[in-house]
C-alpha atoms as a PDB file:
ATOM      1  CA  MET A   1     150.601 -75.263 -67.125  1.00  0.00           C
ATOM      2  CA  SER A   2     149.699 -78.419 -69.232  1.00  0.00           C
ATOM      3  CA  LYS A   3     146.359 -77.732 -70.907  1.00  0.00           C
ATOM      4  CA  ILE A   4     143.914 -80.935 -70.995  1.00  0.00           C
ATOM      5  CA  MET A   5     141.771 -81.863 -74.166  1.00  0.00           C
ATOM      6  CA  LEU A   6     138.306 -83.134 -73.384  1.00  0.00           C
ATOM      7  CA  LYS A   7     136.511 -84.498 -76.586  1.00  0.00           C
ATOM      8  CA  ASN A   8     132.924 -85.120 -77.185  1.00  0.00           C
ATOM      9  CA  VAL A   9     132.298 -84.984 -73.624  1.00  0.00           C
ATOM     10  CA  ARG A  10     128.876 -84.393 -71.447  1.00  0.00           C
ATOM     11  CA  LEU A  11     128.318 -81.046 -69.981  1.00  0.00           C
ATOM     12  CA  SER A  12     127.063 -80.965 -66.456  1.00  0.00           C
ATOM     13  CA  PHE A  13     125.877 -78.204 -64.202  1.00  0.00           C
ATOM     14  CA  PRO A  14     127.496 -75.305 -66.624  1.00  0.00           C
ATOM     15  CA  SER A  15     127.552 -72.087 -65.333  1.00  0.00           C
ATOM     16  CA  LEU A  16     129.196 -70.970 -68.492  1.00  0.00           C
ATOM     17  CA  PHE A  17     128.249 -67.561 -68.988  1.00  0.00           C
ATOM     18  CA  LYS A  18     127.040 -66.012 -65.670  1.00  0.00           C
ATOM     19  CA  LYS A  19     129.140 -67.156 -62.339  1.00  0.00           C
ATOM     20  CA  ALA A  20     127.342 -69.722 -60.367  1.00  0.00           C
ATOM     21  CA  VAL A  21     125.853 -68.903 -56.920  1.00  0.00           C
ATOM     22  CA  PHE A  22     125.232 -71.079 -54.382  1.00  0.00           C
ATOM     23  CA  GLU A  23     123.464 -69.603 -51.099  1.00  0.00           C
ATOM     24  CA  GLY A  24     122.793 -66.240 -52.473  1.00  0.00           C
ATOM     25  CA  VAL A  25     127.111 -66.038 -53.276  1.00  0.00           C
ATOM     26  CA  GLU A  26     128.618 -65.667 -56.432  1.00  0.00           C
ATOM     27  CA  SER A  27     130.812 -68.628 -56.887  1.00  0.00           C
ATOM     28  CA  LYS A  28     132.989 -69.039 -59.998  1.00  0.00           C
ATOM     29  CA  PHE A  29     132.058 -69.895 -63.437  1.00  0.00           C
ATOM     30  CA  GLU A  30     132.250 -73.680 -63.933  1.00  0.00           C
ATOM     31  CA  ALA A  31     130.958 -77.143 -65.589  1.00  0.00           C
ATOM     32  CA  THR A  32     131.401 -80.816 -64.590  1.00  0.00           C
ATOM     33  CA  PHE A  33     132.372 -82.728 -67.556  1.00  0.00           C
ATOM     34  CA  LEU A  34     130.892 -86.625 -68.275  1.00  0.00           C
ATOM     35  CA  LEU A  35     133.458 -89.538 -69.031  1.00  0.00           C
ATOM     36  CA  ASN A  36     131.854 -92.736 -70.524  1.00  0.00           C
ATOM     37  CA  LYS A  37     133.739 -95.211 -68.747  1.00  0.00           C
ATOM     38  CA  ASP A  38     133.329 -98.019 -71.479  1.00  0.00           C
ATOM     39  CA  THR A  39     133.521 -95.719 -74.630  1.00  0.00           C
ATOM     40  CA  GLN A  40     136.303 -93.090 -73.505  1.00  0.00           C
ATOM     41  CA  ALA A  41     138.672 -95.821 -71.259  1.00  0.00           C
ATOM     42  CA  ASP A  42     141.337 -94.477 -73.220  1.00  0.00           C
ATOM     43  CA  LEU A  43     141.061 -90.714 -72.157  1.00  0.00           C
ATOM     44  CA  ILE A  44     140.133 -91.556 -68.969  1.00  0.00           C
ATOM     45  CA  SER A  45     143.551 -92.921 -68.216  1.00  0.00           C
ATOM     46  CA  LYS A  46     145.113 -90.207 -70.229  1.00  0.00           C
ATOM     47  CA  ILE A  47     143.458 -87.836 -67.605  1.00  0.00           C
ATOM     48  CA  GLU A  48     144.494 -89.992 -64.673  1.00  0.00           C
ATOM     49  CA  SER A  49     148.211 -90.067 -65.934  1.00  0.00           C
ATOM     50  CA  GLU A  50     147.727 -86.421 -66.407  1.00  0.00           C
ATOM     51  CA  ILE A  51     147.412 -86.104 -63.109  1.00  0.00           C
ATOM     52  CA  ASP A  52     149.658 -88.565 -61.362  1.00  0.00           C
ATOM     53  CA  SER A  53     152.433 -86.434 -63.297  1.00  0.00           C
ATOM     54  CA  PHE A  54     151.071 -83.041 -62.178  1.00  0.00           C
ATOM     55  CA  LEU A  55     151.303 -84.375 -58.468  1.00  0.00           C
ATOM     56  CA  ASP A  56     154.686 -86.139 -59.303  1.00  0.00           C
ATOM     57  CA  GLU A  57     155.976 -82.533 -60.858  1.00  0.00           C
ATOM     58  CA  LYS A  58     154.906 -81.368 -57.902  1.00  0.00           C
ATOM     59  CA  PHE A  59     156.144 -83.503 -54.883  1.00  0.00           C
ATOM     60  CA  GLY A  60     158.570 -85.436 -56.914  1.00  0.00           C
ATOM     61  CA  LYS A  61     158.185 -88.788 -58.156  1.00  0.00           C
ATOM     62  CA  GLY A  62     156.635 -91.063 -55.080  1.00  0.00           C
ATOM     63  CA  LYS A  63     156.515 -88.222 -52.159  1.00  0.00           C
ATOM     64  CA  VAL A  64     152.798 -87.347 -53.023  1.00  0.00           C
ATOM     65  CA  PRO A  65     151.317 -87.068 -49.699  1.00  0.00           C
ATOM     66  CA  LYS A  66     148.074 -89.813 -49.143  1.00  0.00           C
ATOM     67  CA  SER A  67     146.446 -87.071 -47.910  1.00  0.00           C
ATOM     68  CA  VAL A  68     146.347 -85.181 -51.348  1.00  0.00           C
ATOM     69  CA  LYS A  69     142.985 -85.426 -52.789  1.00  0.00           C
ATOM     70  CA  ARG A  70     142.143 -85.732 -56.386  1.00  0.00           C
ATOM     71  CA  THR A  71     138.788 -83.745 -56.311  1.00  0.00           C
ATOM     72  CA  VAL A  72     139.114 -83.120 -59.745  1.00  0.00           C
ATOM     73  CA  PHE A  73     138.089 -86.547 -60.807  1.00  0.00           C
ATOM     74  CA  LYS A  74     135.640 -88.008 -58.880  1.00  0.00           C
ATOM     75  CA  ASP A  75     133.755 -91.928 -60.030  1.00  0.00           C
ATOM     76  CA  GLY A  76     130.155 -90.720 -61.357  1.00  0.00           C
ATOM     77  CA  ASP A  77     129.032 -94.291 -59.923  1.00  0.00           C
ATOM     78  CA  GLU A  78     129.159 -92.611 -56.515  1.00  0.00           C
ATOM     79  CA  CYS A  79     127.188 -89.495 -57.322  1.00  0.00           C
ATOM     80  CA  ASP A  80     123.400 -89.438 -57.024  1.00  0.00           C
ATOM     81  CA  TYR A  81     123.184 -87.110 -60.640  1.00  0.00           C
ATOM     82  CA  ASP A  82     121.020 -88.156 -63.271  1.00  0.00           C
ATOM     83  CA  GLY A  83     123.419 -89.236 -66.523  1.00  0.00           C
ATOM     84  CA  TYR A  84     126.613 -90.010 -64.607  1.00  0.00           C
ATOM     85  CA  ALA A  85     126.467 -93.546 -63.719  1.00  0.00           C
ATOM     86  CA  ASN A  86     128.891 -95.653 -65.437  1.00  0.00           C
ATOM     87  CA  HIS A  87     131.136 -91.730 -65.736  1.00  0.00           C
ATOM     88  CA  MET A  88     133.755 -90.149 -64.474  1.00  0.00           C
ATOM     89  CA  ALA A  89     132.965 -86.614 -63.460  1.00  0.00           C
ATOM     90  CA  LEU A  90     135.730 -83.986 -64.116  1.00  0.00           C
ATOM     91  CA  LYS A  91     135.246 -80.828 -62.156  1.00  0.00           C
ATOM     92  CA  ALA A  92     136.286 -77.403 -63.395  1.00  0.00           C
ATOM     93  CA  SER A  93     136.054 -73.521 -62.897  1.00  0.00           C
ATOM     94  CA  SER A  94     137.881 -70.443 -63.077  1.00  0.00           C
ATOM     95  CA  ASN A  95     137.435 -66.546 -62.043  1.00  0.00           C
ATOM     96  CA  ARG A  96     137.504 -65.485 -65.455  1.00  0.00           C
ATOM     97  CA  ARG A  97     134.767 -66.548 -68.088  1.00  0.00           C
ATOM     98  CA  PRO A  98     136.033 -69.083 -69.928  1.00  0.00           C
ATOM     99  CA  THR A  99     135.909 -68.855 -74.382  1.00  0.00           C
ATOM    100  CA  VAL A 100     132.049 -70.434 -75.212  1.00  0.00           C
ATOM    101  CA  ILE A 101     132.324 -71.239 -78.915  1.00  0.00           C
ATOM    102  CA  ASP A 102     129.936 -72.666 -81.361  1.00  0.00           C
ATOM    103  CA  ARG A 103     131.216 -75.899 -83.813  1.00  0.00           C
ATOM    104  CA  ASP A 104     132.697 -73.702 -86.080  1.00  0.00           C
ATOM    105  CA  LYS A 105     134.232 -71.551 -83.489  1.00  0.00           C
ATOM    106  CA  THR A 106     132.089 -68.258 -83.818  1.00  0.00           C
ATOM    107  CA  PRO A 107     131.379 -67.201 -80.035  1.00  0.00           C
ATOM    108  CA  LEU A 108     128.542 -68.402 -78.100  1.00  0.00           C
ATOM    109  CA  ALA A 109     126.257 -65.775 -75.631  1.00  0.00           C
ATOM    110  CA  GLN A 110     123.686 -67.170 -72.900  1.00  0.00           C
ATOM    111  CA  ASP A 111     120.563 -66.092 -75.267  1.00  0.00           C
ATOM    112  CA  ASP A 112     122.036 -68.821 -77.642  1.00  0.00           C
ATOM    113  CA  GLY A 113     120.706 -71.233 -75.796  1.00  0.00           C
ATOM    114  CA  LYS A 114     123.421 -73.184 -76.089  1.00  0.00           C
ATOM    115  CA  PRO A 115     125.570 -75.466 -74.801  1.00  0.00           C
ATOM    116  CA  GLU A 116     123.468 -76.737 -71.815  1.00  0.00           C
ATOM    117  CA  ALA A 117     123.267 -79.628 -69.400  1.00  0.00           C
ATOM    118  CA  GLY A 118     122.902 -82.886 -71.557  1.00  0.00           C
ATOM    119  CA  ASP A 119     125.066 -81.662 -74.471  1.00  0.00           C
ATOM    120  CA  TYR A 120     128.299 -82.861 -75.621  1.00  0.00           C
ATOM    121  CA  VAL A 121     130.799 -80.269 -76.182  1.00  0.00           C
ATOM    122  CA  ASN A 122     134.840 -80.490 -76.549  1.00  0.00           C
ATOM    123  CA  ALA A 123     136.738 -78.420 -73.406  1.00  0.00           C
ATOM    124  CA  ILE A 124     140.169 -77.357 -72.421  1.00  0.00           C
ATOM    125  CA  ILE A 125     141.325 -77.667 -68.950  1.00  0.00           C
ATOM    126  CA  SER A 126     144.305 -77.694 -66.678  1.00  0.00           C
ATOM    127  CA  LEU A 127     145.325 -78.567 -63.317  1.00  0.00           C
ATOM    128  CA  TRP A 128     145.915 -76.971 -59.983  1.00  0.00           C
ATOM    129  CA  TYR A 129     146.752 -77.901 -56.514  1.00  0.00           C
ATOM    130  CA  SER A 130     145.266 -76.060 -53.749  1.00  0.00           C
ATOM    131  CA  ASP A 131     146.271 -76.797 -49.979  1.00  0.00           C
ATOM    132  CA  HIS A 132     143.721 -74.495 -48.103  1.00  0.00           C
ATOM    133  CA  PRO A 133     142.572 -74.998 -44.337  1.00  0.00           C
ATOM    134  CA  LYS A 134     139.000 -75.652 -45.373  1.00  0.00           C
ATOM    135  CA  GLY A 135     139.520 -77.744 -48.416  1.00  0.00           C
ATOM    136  CA  GLY A 136     142.225 -79.662 -47.424  1.00  0.00           C
ATOM    137  CA  LYS A 137     145.298 -80.459 -50.319  1.00  0.00           C
ATOM    138  CA  GLN A 138     143.661 -81.453 -53.160  1.00  0.00           C
ATOM    139  CA  VAL A 139     143.955 -81.355 -57.337  1.00  0.00           C
ATOM    140  CA  LEU A 140     141.301 -79.045 -59.005  1.00  0.00           C
ATOM    141  CA  GLY A 141     140.576 -78.283 -62.549  1.00  0.00           C
ATOM    142  CA  ASN A 142     141.206 -74.748 -64.438  1.00  0.00           C
ATOM    143  CA  LEU A 143     138.012 -74.268 -66.907  1.00  0.00           C
ATOM    144  CA  HIS A 144     139.957 -72.438 -69.828  1.00  0.00           C
ATOM    145  CA  GLY A 145     136.645 -72.649 -73.171  1.00  0.00           C
ATOM    146  CA  VAL A 146     134.161 -74.747 -74.366  1.00  0.00           C
ATOM    147  CA  GLN A 147     133.193 -75.673 -77.989  1.00  0.00           C
ATOM    148  CA  PHE A 148     129.810 -76.846 -78.132  1.00  0.00           C
ATOM    149  CA  ALA A 149     129.665 -80.335 -80.514  1.00  0.00           C
ATOM    150  CA  ALA A 150     126.335 -81.788 -80.256  1.00  0.00           C
ATOM    151  CA  GLU A 151     123.071 -81.639 -78.772  1.00  0.00           C
ATOM    152  CA  GLY A 152     121.944 -84.073 -75.686  1.00  0.00           C
ATOM    153  CA  GLU A 153     119.547 -85.698 -74.331  1.00  0.00           C
ATOM    154  CA  ARG A 154     118.444 -82.723 -70.972  1.00  0.00           C
ATOM    155  CA  PHE A 155     119.339 -84.390 -67.846  1.00  0.00           C
ATOM    156  CA  GLY A 156     116.251 -85.445 -65.001  1.00  0.00           C
ATOM    157  CA  ASN A 157     112.770 -85.020 -66.560  1.00  0.00           C
ATOM    158  CA  GLY A 158     112.629 -81.329 -66.728  1.00  0.00           C
ATOM    159  CA  ASN A 159     109.864 -79.019 -66.044  1.00  0.00           C
ATOM    160  CA  GLU A 160     106.355 -81.500 -67.091  1.00  0.00           C
ATOM    161  CA  ASP A 161     104.242 -79.261 -69.011  1.00  0.00           C
ATOM    162  CA  VAL A 162     101.067 -79.007 -67.413  1.00  0.00           C
ATOM    163  CA  THR A 163      99.064 -76.808 -70.014  1.00  0.00           C
ATOM    164  CA  ASP A 164      96.564 -79.180 -70.721  1.00  0.00           C
ATOM    165  CA  ASP A 165      95.614 -79.358 -66.790  1.00  0.00           C
ATOM    166  CA  PHE A 166      94.333 -75.682 -67.418  1.00  0.00           C
ATOM    167  CA  ASP A 167      91.053 -74.683 -67.930  1.00  0.00           C
ATOM    168  CA  GLU A 168      90.523 -72.162 -70.903  1.00  0.00           C
ATOM    169  CA  LEU A 169      90.371 -68.340 -69.056  1.00  0.00           C
ATOM    170  CA  GLU A 170      86.711 -66.434 -71.210  1.00  0.00           C
ATOM    171  CA  GLU A 171      86.376 -63.711 -68.113  1.00  0.00           C
ATOM    172  CA  ASP A 172      88.487 -61.466 -66.147  1.00  0.00           C
ATOM    173  CA  PHE A 173      88.180 -61.822 -62.714  1.00  0.00           C
END
């Protein structure tokens, strides 16, 4: 298993401390990492090469079936999410809670409030192959760990502060 280090990437849709829940069903620990197409072109090229090498090792050079999807690495320009334009998006997950640490390598907990979506992180992932009747043949990412690097701008507008829209209450009702 070859591990891939992602440095200074933006964190999106993190479920690092609790497993993600979709439609009431608990899933996995997961995160998506955004790589800027202009400033991180070398890292993008390295990841694409790692995926090619992984598939060549799995099937033999030149024998990778055309039906294999590279689900792990998508063009952010094809996604309708805030912050994804001009980025590549790499998704990774794990059944086990990944290591989550601060800049100084101290462990982080959910109550620490970081890392959050929009922050910059370093991450360690590996690739794996799935041939499942529902998902088909695809390359996926296994999430090993995340290190908080720097606070980033939050995605979306967030919750609007409407405090001033309320009247101050003086009496109980």
